[in-house]
Amino acid sequence: MSKEQLIAELEKLTPDERLEILEAFWPPELRGPTEEEKALLDRELEDYRKNPNDVVPWEEVKTRLRRDREQTG
């Protein structure tokens, strides 16, 4: 069976069937966040929604990290 034929057959499957096949071949550490990580992300999102002005823009975070690295480096 060619790769194209295999893909055509996979497209006939339900999303749950595709996920089952994916999980059989994909390393566990690359399958996405764990339940614990999802809970942490949910808590962080809720905190952000309650306090949207308390966040630090990513560019500022990178600047601080570079500055700290230069001072310790």
PDB file of N, CA and C in Angstrom:
ATOM      1  N   MET A   1       0.856  -1.178   0.000  1.00  0.00           N
ATOM      2  CA  MET A   1       0.000   0.000   0.000  1.00  0.00           C
ATOM      3  C   MET A   1       0.898   1.236   0.000  1.00  0.00           C
ATOM      4  N   SER A   2       0.618   2.165  -0.865  1.00  0.00           N
ATOM      5  CA  SER A   2       1.401   3.393  -0.935  1.00  0.00           C
ATOM      6  C   SER A   2       0.991   4.356   0.177  1.00  0.00           C
ATOM      7  N   LYS A   3       1.827   5.339   0.397  1.00  0.00           N
ATOM      8  CA  LYS A   3       1.527   6.359   1.397  1.00  0.00           C
ATOM      9  C   LYS A   3       0.221   7.066   1.059  1.00  0.00           C
ATOM     10  N   GLU A   4       0.009   7.369  -0.220  1.00  0.00           N
ATOM     11  CA  GLU A   4      -1.223   8.043  -0.652  1.00  0.00           C
ATOM     12  C   GLU A   4      -2.451   7.177  -0.377  1.00  0.00           C
ATOM     13  N   GLN A   5      -2.317   5.874  -0.609  1.00  0.00           N
ATOM     14  CA  GLN A   5      -3.438   4.963  -0.344  1.00  0.00           C
ATOM     15  C   GLN A   5      -3.718   4.878   1.156  1.00  0.00           C
ATOM     16  N   LEU A   6      -2.655   4.834   1.916  1.00  0.00           N
ATOM     17  CA  LEU A   6      -2.811   4.775   3.363  1.00  0.00           C
ATOM     18  C   LEU A   6      -3.515   6.019   3.878  1.00  0.00           C
ATOM     19  N   ILE A   7      -3.107   7.173   3.403  1.00  0.00           N
ATOM     20  CA  ILE A   7      -3.746   8.425   3.815  1.00  0.00           C
ATOM     21  C   ILE A   7      -5.217   8.433   3.419  1.00  0.00           C
ATOM     22  N   ALA A   8      -5.514   7.951   2.214  1.00  0.00           N
ATOM     23  CA  ALA A   8      -6.909   7.898   1.752  1.00  0.00           C
ATOM     24  C   ALA A   8      -7.740   7.008   2.672  1.00  0.00           C
ATOM     25  N   GLU A   9      -7.166   5.905   3.117  1.00  0.00           N
ATOM     26  CA  GLU A   9      -7.887   5.007   4.018  1.00  0.00           C
ATOM     27  C   GLU A   9      -8.061   5.643   5.396  1.00  0.00           C
ATOM     28  N   LEU A  10      -7.028   6.304   5.869  1.00  0.00           N
ATOM     29  CA  LEU A  10      -7.125   6.963   7.172  1.00  0.00           C
ATOM     30  C   LEU A  10      -8.196   8.044   7.179  1.00  0.00           C
ATOM     31  N   GLU A  11      -8.357   8.728   6.057  1.00  0.00           N
ATOM     32  CA  GLU A  11      -9.367   9.789   5.966  1.00  0.00           C
ATOM     33  C   GLU A  11     -10.786   9.244   6.090  1.00  0.00           C
ATOM     34  N   LYS A  12     -10.975   7.954   5.895  1.00  0.00           N
ATOM     35  CA  LYS A  12     -12.295   7.336   6.014  1.00  0.00           C
ATOM     36  C   LYS A  12     -12.665   7.036   7.465  1.00  0.00           C
ATOM     37  N   LEU A  13     -11.685   7.086   8.341  1.00  0.00           N
ATOM     38  CA  LEU A  13     -11.908   6.753   9.745  1.00  0.00           C
ATOM     39  C   LEU A  13     -12.545   7.905  10.500  1.00  0.00           C
ATOM     40  N   THR A  14     -13.152   7.567  11.617  1.00  0.00           N
ATOM     41  CA  THR A  14     -13.721   8.595  12.490  1.00  0.00           C
ATOM     42  C   THR A  14     -12.573   9.293  13.224  1.00  0.00           C
ATOM     43  N   PRO A  15     -12.821  10.473  13.765  1.00  0.00           N
ATOM     44  CA  PRO A  15     -11.767  11.142  14.545  1.00  0.00           C
ATOM     45  C   PRO A  15     -11.245  10.280  15.693  1.00  0.00           C
ATOM     46  N   ASP A  16     -12.121   9.564  16.371  1.00  0.00           N
ATOM     47  CA  ASP A  16     -11.677   8.709  17.476  1.00  0.00           C
ATOM     48  C   ASP A  16     -10.775   7.586  16.981  1.00  0.00           C
ATOM     49  N   GLU A  17     -11.100   7.006  15.833  1.00  0.00           N
ATOM     50  CA  GLU A  17     -10.259   5.952  15.264  1.00  0.00           C
ATOM     51  C   GLU A  17      -8.896   6.501  14.852  1.00  0.00           C
ATOM     52  N   ARG A  18      -8.891   7.684  14.284  1.00  0.00           N
ATOM     53  CA  ARG A  18      -7.613   8.305  13.905  1.00  0.00           C
ATOM     54  C   ARG A  18      -6.761   8.583  15.135  1.00  0.00           C
ATOM     55  N   LEU A  19      -7.405   9.054  16.195  1.00  0.00           N
ATOM     56  CA  LEU A  19      -6.679   9.339  17.423  1.00  0.00           C
ATOM     57  C   LEU A  19      -6.077   8.064  17.998  1.00  0.00           C
ATOM     58  N   GLU A  20      -6.820   6.986  17.935  1.00  0.00           N
ATOM     59  CA  GLU A  20      -6.317   5.698  18.428  1.00  0.00           C
ATOM     60  C   GLU A  20      -5.059   5.279  17.667  1.00  0.00           C
ATOM     61  N   ILE A  21      -5.073   5.450  16.371  1.00  0.00           N
ATOM     62  CA  ILE A  21      -3.903   5.110  15.551  1.00  0.00           C
ATOM     63  C   ILE A  21      -2.748   6.056  15.866  1.00  0.00           C
ATOM     64  N   LEU A  22      -3.043   7.323  15.981  1.00  0.00           N
ATOM     65  CA  LEU A  22      -2.001   8.306  16.309  1.00  0.00           C
ATOM     66  C   LEU A  22      -1.329   7.962  17.632  1.00  0.00           C
ATOM     67  N   GLU A  23      -2.119   7.638  18.625  1.00  0.00           N
ATOM     68  CA  GLU A  23      -1.572   7.328  19.949  1.00  0.00           C
ATOM     69  C   GLU A  23      -0.726   6.059  19.931  1.00  0.00           C
ATOM     70  N   ALA A  24      -1.012   5.160  18.998  1.00  0.00           N
ATOM     71  CA  ALA A  24      -0.225   3.927  18.904  1.00  0.00           C
ATOM     72  C   ALA A  24       1.186   4.197  18.396  1.00  0.00           C
ATOM     73  N   PHE A  25       1.368   5.260  17.631  1.00  0.00           N
ATOM     74  CA  PHE A  25       2.659   5.535  17.018  1.00  0.00           C
ATOM     75  C   PHE A  25       3.370   6.774  17.553  1.00  0.00           C
ATOM     76  N   TRP A  26       2.639   7.703  18.128  1.00  0.00           N
ATOM     77  CA  TRP A  26       3.222   8.970  18.560  1.00  0.00           C
ATOM     78  C   TRP A  26       3.776   8.816  19.968  1.00  0.00           C
ATOM     79  N   PRO A  27       4.988   9.279  20.238  1.00  0.00           N
ATOM     80  CA  PRO A  27       5.557   9.163  21.589  1.00  0.00           C
ATOM     81  C   PRO A  27       4.674   9.901  22.605  1.00  0.00           C
ATOM     82  N   PRO A  28       4.470   9.305  23.764  1.00  0.00           N
ATOM     83  CA  PRO A  28       3.605   9.924  24.781  1.00  0.00           C
ATOM     84  C   PRO A  28       4.004  11.351  25.130  1.00  0.00           C
ATOM     85  N   GLU A  29       5.307  11.636  25.186  1.00  0.00           N
ATOM     86  CA  GLU A  29       5.737  12.979  25.590  1.00  0.00           C
ATOM     87  C   GLU A  29       5.412  14.035  24.545  1.00  0.00           C
ATOM     88  N   LEU A  30       5.011  13.624  23.345  1.00  0.00           N
ATOM     89  CA  LEU A  30       4.675  14.586  22.290  1.00  0.00           C
ATOM     90  C   LEU A  30       3.182  14.660  22.005  1.00  0.00           C
ATOM     91  N   ARG A  31       2.379  14.051  22.827  1.00  0.00           N
ATOM     92  CA  ARG A  31       0.931  13.979  22.579  1.00  0.00           C
ATOM     93  C   ARG A  31       0.155  15.166  23.095  1.00  0.00           C
ATOM     94  N   GLY A  32       0.817  16.139  23.675  1.00  0.00           N
ATOM     95  CA  GLY A  32       0.102  17.301  24.190  1.00  0.00           C
ATOM     96  C   GLY A  32       0.162  17.341  25.697  1.00  0.00           C
ATOM     97  N   PRO A  33      -0.492  18.319  26.278  1.00  0.00           N
ATOM     98  CA  PRO A  33      -0.412  18.487  27.726  1.00  0.00           C
ATOM     99  C   PRO A  33      -1.088  17.342  28.485  1.00  0.00           C
ATOM    100  N   THR A  34      -0.515  17.029  29.641  1.00  0.00           N
ATOM    101  CA  THR A  34      -1.118  16.037  30.527  1.00  0.00           C
ATOM    102  C   THR A  34      -2.347  16.656  31.190  1.00  0.00           C
ATOM    103  N   GLU A  35      -3.098  15.859  31.901  1.00  0.00           N
ATOM    104  CA  GLU A  35      -4.261  16.391  32.616  1.00  0.00           C
ATOM    105  C   GLU A  35      -3.822  17.424  33.647  1.00  0.00           C
ATOM    106  N   GLU A  36      -2.699  17.174  34.287  1.00  0.00           N
ATOM    107  CA  GLU A  36      -2.171  18.125  35.273  1.00  0.00           C
ATOM    108  C   GLU A  36      -1.791  19.445  34.589  1.00  0.00           C
ATOM    109  N   GLU A  37      -1.161  19.361  33.440  1.00  0.00           N
ATOM    110  CA  GLU A  37      -0.782  20.571  32.702  1.00  0.00           C
ATOM    111  C   GLU A  37      -2.021  21.315  32.200  1.00  0.00           C
ATOM    112  N   LYS A  38      -3.026  20.577  31.766  1.00  0.00           N
ATOM    113  CA  LYS A  38      -4.269  21.216  31.323  1.00  0.00           C
ATOM    114  C   LYS A  38      -4.918  21.970  32.472  1.00  0.00           C
ATOM    115  N   ALA A  39      -4.916  21.372  33.659  1.00  0.00           N
ATOM    116  CA  ALA A  39      -5.498  22.035  34.829  1.00  0.00           C
ATOM    117  C   ALA A  39      -4.731  23.317  35.151  1.00  0.00           C
ATOM    118  N   LEU A  40      -3.401  23.265  35.070  1.00  0.00           N
ATOM    119  CA  LEU A  40      -2.586  24.453  35.308  1.00  0.00           C
ATOM    120  C   LEU A  40      -2.909  25.535  34.277  1.00  0.00           C
ATOM    121  N   LEU A  41      -2.993  25.155  33.014  1.00  0.00           N
ATOM    122  CA  LEU A  41      -3.325  26.126  31.966  1.00  0.00           C
ATOM    123  C   LEU A  41      -4.705  26.737  32.192  1.00  0.00           C
ATOM    124  N   ASP A  42      -5.668  25.914  32.615  1.00  0.00           N
ATOM    125  CA  ASP A  42      -7.009  26.425  32.903  1.00  0.00           C
ATOM    126  C   ASP A  42      -6.984  27.431  34.046  1.00  0.00           C
ATOM    127  N   ARG A  43      -6.200  27.130  35.088  1.00  0.00           N
ATOM    128  CA  ARG A  43      -6.092  28.065  36.223  1.00  0.00           C
ATOM    129  C   ARG A  43      -5.443  29.372  35.785  1.00  0.00           C
ATOM    130  N   GLU A  44      -4.401  29.266  34.980  1.00  0.00           N
ATOM    131  CA  GLU A  44      -3.722  30.475  34.505  1.00  0.00           C
ATOM    132  C   GLU A  44      -4.645  31.311  33.620  1.00  0.00           C
ATOM    133  N   LEU A  45      -5.414  30.654  32.769  1.00  0.00           N
ATOM    134  CA  LEU A  45      -6.351  31.369  31.906  1.00  0.00           C
ATOM    135  C   LEU A  45      -7.421  32.071  32.738  1.00  0.00           C
ATOM    136  N   GLU A  46      -7.922  31.395  33.755  1.00  0.00           N
ATOM    137  CA  GLU A  46      -8.928  32.002  34.623  1.00  0.00           C
ATOM    138  C   GLU A  46      -8.343  33.209  35.355  1.00  0.00           C
ATOM    139  N   ASP A  47      -7.107  33.081  35.830  1.00  0.00           N
ATOM    140  CA  ASP A  47      -6.447  34.207  36.496  1.00  0.00           C
ATOM    141  C   ASP A  47      -6.286  35.377  35.533  1.00  0.00           C
ATOM    142  N   TYR A  48      -5.907  35.078  34.303  1.00  0.00           N
ATOM    143  CA  TYR A  48      -5.763  36.139  33.295  1.00  0.00           C
ATOM    144  C   TYR A  48      -7.101  36.835  33.048  1.00  0.00           C
ATOM    145  N   ARG A  49      -8.152  36.056  32.946  1.00  0.00           N
ATOM    146  CA  ARG A  49      -9.478  36.651  32.691  1.00  0.00           C
ATOM    147  C   ARG A  49      -9.908  37.559  33.839  1.00  0.00           C
ATOM    148  N   LYS A  50      -9.534  37.181  35.057  1.00  0.00           N
ATOM    149  CA  LYS A  50      -9.886  38.001  36.224  1.00  0.00           C
ATOM    150  C   LYS A  50      -8.999  39.234  36.329  1.00  0.00           C
ATOM    151  N   ASN A  51      -7.746  39.118  35.870  1.00  0.00           N
ATOM    152  CA  ASN A  51      -6.767  40.198  36.043  1.00  0.00           C
ATOM    153  C   ASN A  51      -5.990  40.438  34.743  1.00  0.00           C
ATOM    154  N   PRO A  52      -6.646  40.855  33.678  1.00  0.00           N
ATOM    155  CA  PRO A  52      -5.953  40.989  32.389  1.00  0.00           C
ATOM    156  C   PRO A  52      -4.845  42.041  32.373  1.00  0.00           C
ATOM    157  N   ASN A  53      -4.872  42.968  33.305  1.00  0.00           N
ATOM    158  CA  ASN A  53      -3.841  44.014  33.333  1.00  0.00           C
ATOM    159  C   ASN A  53      -2.593  43.595  34.104  1.00  0.00           C
ATOM    160  N   ASP A  54      -2.620  42.417  34.702  1.00  0.00           N
ATOM    161  CA  ASP A  54      -1.482  41.945  35.481  1.00  0.00           C
ATOM    162  C   ASP A  54      -0.448  41.193  34.647  1.00  0.00           C
ATOM    163  N   VAL A  55      -0.672  41.055  33.368  1.00  0.00           N
ATOM    164  CA  VAL A  55       0.250  40.271  32.537  1.00  0.00           C
ATOM    165  C   VAL A  55       1.426  41.121  32.078  1.00  0.00           C
ATOM    166  N   VAL A  56       2.517  40.430  31.740  1.00  0.00           N
ATOM    167  CA  VAL A  56       3.710  41.082  31.208  1.00  0.00           C
ATOM    168  C   VAL A  56       3.823  40.651  29.749  1.00  0.00           C
ATOM    169  N   PRO A  57       3.937  41.581  28.827  1.00  0.00           N
ATOM    170  CA  PRO A  57       4.057  41.213  27.411  1.00  0.00           C
ATOM    171  C   PRO A  57       5.301  40.350  27.176  1.00  0.00           C
ATOM    172  N   TRP A  58       5.191  39.413  26.234  1.00  0.00           N
ATOM    173  CA  TRP A  58       6.266  38.485  25.945  1.00  0.00           C
ATOM    174  C   TRP A  58       7.572  39.214  25.595  1.00  0.00           C
ATOM    175  N   GLU A  59       7.489  40.281  24.844  1.00  0.00           N
ATOM    176  CA  GLU A  59       8.703  41.017  24.488  1.00  0.00           C
ATOM    177  C   GLU A  59       9.427  41.527  25.732  1.00  0.00           C
ATOM    178  N   GLU A  60       8.673  41.962  26.710  1.00  0.00           N
ATOM    179  CA  GLU A  60       9.286  42.439  27.954  1.00  0.00           C
ATOM    180  C   GLU A  60       9.919  41.288  28.724  1.00  0.00           C
ATOM    181  N   VAL A  61       9.259  40.142  28.731  1.00  0.00           N
ATOM    182  CA  VAL A  61       9.814  38.960  29.385  1.00  0.00           C
ATOM    183  C   VAL A  61      11.145  38.589  28.744  1.00  0.00           C
ATOM    184  N   LYS A  62      11.190  38.552  27.414  1.00  0.00           N
ATOM    185  CA  LYS A  62      12.431  38.216  26.711  1.00  0.00           C
ATOM    186  C   LYS A  62      13.529  39.221  27.030  1.00  0.00           C
ATOM    187  N   THR A  63      13.187  40.499  27.060  1.00  0.00           N
ATOM    188  CA  THR A  63      14.169  41.535  27.379  1.00  0.00           C
ATOM    189  C   THR A  63      14.735  41.326  28.779  1.00  0.00           C
ATOM    190  N   ARG A  64      13.873  41.041  29.737  1.00  0.00           N
ATOM    191  CA  ARG A  64      14.323  40.814  31.115  1.00  0.00           C
ATOM    192  C   ARG A  64      15.229  39.581  31.192  1.00  0.00           C
ATOM    193  N   LEU A  65      14.835  38.502  30.498  1.00  0.00           N
ATOM    194  CA  LEU A  65      15.639  37.288  30.519  1.00  0.00           C
ATOM    195  C   LEU A  65      17.015  37.523  29.918  1.00  0.00           C
ATOM    196  N   ARG A  66      17.067  38.245  28.804  1.00  0.00           N
ATOM    197  CA  ARG A  66      18.361  38.550  28.171  1.00  0.00           C
ATOM    198  C   ARG A  66      19.223  39.404  29.104  1.00  0.00           C
ATOM    199  N   ARG A  67      18.607  40.395  29.724  1.00  0.00           N
ATOM    200  CA  ARG A  67      19.337  41.277  30.626  1.00  0.00           C
ATOM    201  C   ARG A  67      19.874  40.481  31.811  1.00  0.00           C
ATOM    202  N   ASP A  68      19.037  39.620  32.373  1.00  0.00           N
ATOM    203  CA  ASP A  68      19.477  38.812  33.526  1.00  0.00           C
ATOM    204  C   ASP A  68      20.600  37.871  33.129  1.00  0.00           C
ATOM    205  N   ARG A  69      20.520  37.296  31.934  1.00  0.00           N
ATOM    206  CA  ARG A  69      21.553  36.385  31.468  1.00  0.00           C
ATOM    207  C   ARG A  69      22.881  37.126  31.269  1.00  0.00           C
ATOM    208  N   GLU A  70      22.814  38.332  30.743  1.00  0.00           N
ATOM    209  CA  GLU A  70      24.009  39.145  30.521  1.00  0.00           C
ATOM    210  C   GLU A  70      24.659  39.531  31.852  1.00  0.00           C
ATOM    211  N   GLN A  71      23.826  39.793  32.863  1.00  0.00           N
ATOM    212  CA  GLN A  71      24.361  40.216  34.161  1.00  0.00           C
ATOM    213  C   GLN A  71      25.014  39.045  34.894  1.00  0.00           C
ATOM    214  N   THR A  72      24.508  37.834  34.667  1.00  0.00           N
ATOM    215  CA  THR A  72      25.056  36.665  35.349  1.00  0.00           C
ATOM    216  C   THR A  72      26.094  35.945  34.504  1.00  0.00           C
ATOM    217  N   GLY A  73      26.104  36.251  33.195  1.00  0.00           N
ATOM    218  CA  GLY A  73      26.938  35.527  32.255  1.00  0.00           C
ATOM    219  C   GLY A  73      28.324  35.938  32.204  1.00  0.00           C
TER     220      GLY A  73
END
